[in-house]
């Protein structure tokens, strides 16, 4: 990995623990057998979407194709499988709401 790549640099600056704690308040772990999406993946995908000014489908496509974006999201190796269905962005927005998105933005505004 090129340490000068913007996604590598952003990954080092990202306050993951703070952001994940905000996320967990609104997306508590389920009692189902299906694993939850990693908060870093969800919040990082939202950040990628906004930093790159992409729509939902293009965001998922870019993540599937870009090893640096995957590094930013916490992947341990490259994976060309989509991380989730683009329609889940609607669910993320509904659950988080404006106040929570502002709280998240307040912790990462310096990154974009």
Protein backbone atom coordinates (compact mmCIF):
# COMPACT_ATOMS: atom_id res chain seq x y z
CA UNK A 1 0.00 0.00 0.00
CA UNK A 2 1.18 3.47 -0.85
CA UNK A 3 1.24 5.40 2.45
CA UNK A 4 0.63 8.64 0.53
CA UNK A 5 -2.69 7.44 -0.88
CA UNK A 6 -5.56 9.55 0.47
CA UNK A 7 -7.53 6.52 1.72
CA UNK A 8 -4.51 5.17 3.61
CA UNK A 9 -3.92 8.59 5.19
CA UNK A 10 -7.62 8.98 6.08
CA UNK A 11 -7.70 5.50 7.61
CA UNK A 12 -4.93 6.52 10.01
CA UNK A 13 -6.83 9.67 11.03
CA UNK A 14 -10.28 8.13 11.36
CA UNK A 15 -11.52 8.09 14.98
CA UNK A 16 -13.02 4.61 14.56
CA UNK A 17 -13.89 3.96 18.22
CA UNK A 18 -15.81 7.24 18.56
CA UNK A 19 -17.69 6.74 15.33
CA UNK A 20 -18.51 3.11 16.05
CA UNK A 21 -19.91 4.01 19.48
CA UNK A 22 -22.28 6.53 17.88
CA UNK A 23 -23.31 3.94 15.30
CA UNK A 24 -23.94 1.22 17.92
CA UNK A 25 -26.42 3.47 19.74
CA UNK A 26 -28.68 3.40 16.70
CA UNK A 27 -27.84 0.01 15.26
CA UNK A 28 -27.59 -2.29 18.29
CA UNK A 29 -26.36 -5.82 17.73
CA UNK A 30 -29.17 -8.14 16.72
CA UNK A 31 -30.24 -11.37 18.31
CA UNK A 32 -30.38 -12.98 14.88
CA UNK A 33 -28.00 -15.49 13.38
CA UNK A 34 -27.11 -13.09 10.57
CA UNK A 35 -23.98 -11.07 11.33
CA UNK A 36 -24.31 -7.29 11.51
CA UNK A 37 -22.37 -5.07 9.17
CA UNK A 38 -19.20 -3.70 10.71
CA UNK A 39 -19.77 -0.08 11.83
CA UNK A 40 -16.49 0.97 10.24
CA UNK A 41 -17.69 -0.43 6.92
CA UNK A 42 -21.05 1.36 7.11
CA UNK A 43 -19.74 4.72 8.29
CA UNK A 44 -16.74 4.56 5.98
CA UNK A 45 -19.00 3.85 3.01
CA UNK A 46 -21.11 6.88 3.93
CA UNK A 47 -17.93 8.96 4.08
CA UNK A 48 -16.72 7.64 0.72
CA UNK A 49 -20.11 8.43 -0.79
CA UNK A 50 -19.95 12.04 0.40
CA UNK A 51 -16.23 12.68 -0.13
CA UNK A 52 -16.44 11.42 -3.73
CA UNK A 53 -19.96 12.76 -4.35
CA UNK A 54 -21.24 9.38 -5.58
CA UNK A 55 -24.69 7.83 -5.66
CA UNK A 56 -25.41 4.69 -3.66
CA UNK A 57 -24.82 2.18 -6.45
CA UNK A 58 -21.60 3.83 -7.62
CA UNK A 59 -20.31 3.94 -4.05
CA UNK A 60 -20.75 0.17 -3.68
CA UNK A 61 -19.18 -0.40 -7.11
CA UNK A 62 -16.18 1.80 -6.29
CA UNK A 63 -15.63 0.01 -2.97
CA UNK A 64 -15.77 -3.36 -4.78
CA UNK A 65 -13.09 -2.22 -7.25
CA UNK A 66 -10.71 -0.17 -5.12
CA UNK A 67 -8.24 -1.80 -2.73
CA UNK A 68 -7.44 1.55 -1.11
CA UNK A 69 -11.08 2.24 -0.27
CA UNK A 70 -11.29 -1.27 1.16
CA UNK A 71 -8.24 -0.56 3.31
CA UNK A 72 -9.96 2.60 4.56
CA UNK A 73 -12.98 0.46 5.49
CA UNK A 74 -10.84 -1.97 7.48
CA UNK A 75 -10.63 -4.88 5.03
CA UNK A 76 -7.68 -7.19 5.65
CA UNK A 77 -7.38 -8.15 1.95
CA UNK A 78 -8.91 -7.25 -1.40
CA UNK A 79 -12.43 -8.53 -2.08
CA UNK A 80 -14.31 -7.91 -5.33
CA UNK A 81 -17.68 -8.79 -3.80
CA UNK A 82 -19.97 -5.82 -3.01
CA UNK A 83 -19.91 -5.05 0.73
CA UNK A 84 -23.71 -4.68 0.87
CA UNK A 85 -26.68 -3.86 -1.34
CA UNK A 86 -26.82 -0.16 -2.30
CA UNK A 87 -30.41 0.02 -1.03
CA UNK A 88 -29.08 -0.23 2.54
CA UNK A 89 -27.98 3.41 2.37
CA UNK A 90 -31.67 4.31 2.81
CA UNK A 91 -31.80 2.27 6.02
CA UNK A 92 -28.62 3.90 7.29
CA UNK A 93 -30.07 7.39 6.72
CA UNK A 94 -33.40 6.52 8.35
CA UNK A 95 -31.85 5.07 11.48
CA UNK A 96 -29.09 7.58 12.01
CA UNK A 97 -31.03 10.77 11.36
CA UNK A 98 -29.71 14.33 11.15
CA UNK A 99 -28.50 14.66 14.75
CA UNK A 100 -26.40 11.50 14.59
CA UNK A 101 -25.02 12.31 11.15
CA UNK A 102 -24.01 15.74 12.47
CA UNK A 103 -22.30 14.06 15.44
CA UNK A 104 -20.40 11.79 13.07
CA UNK A 105 -19.54 14.71 10.80
CA UNK A 106 -18.22 16.61 13.81
CA UNK A 107 -15.70 13.85 14.44
CA UNK A 108 -14.48 13.49 10.86
CA UNK A 109 -15.01 16.89 9.23
CA UNK A 110 -11.27 17.47 9.27
CA UNK A 111 -10.76 14.46 7.01
CA UNK A 112 -12.67 15.58 3.93
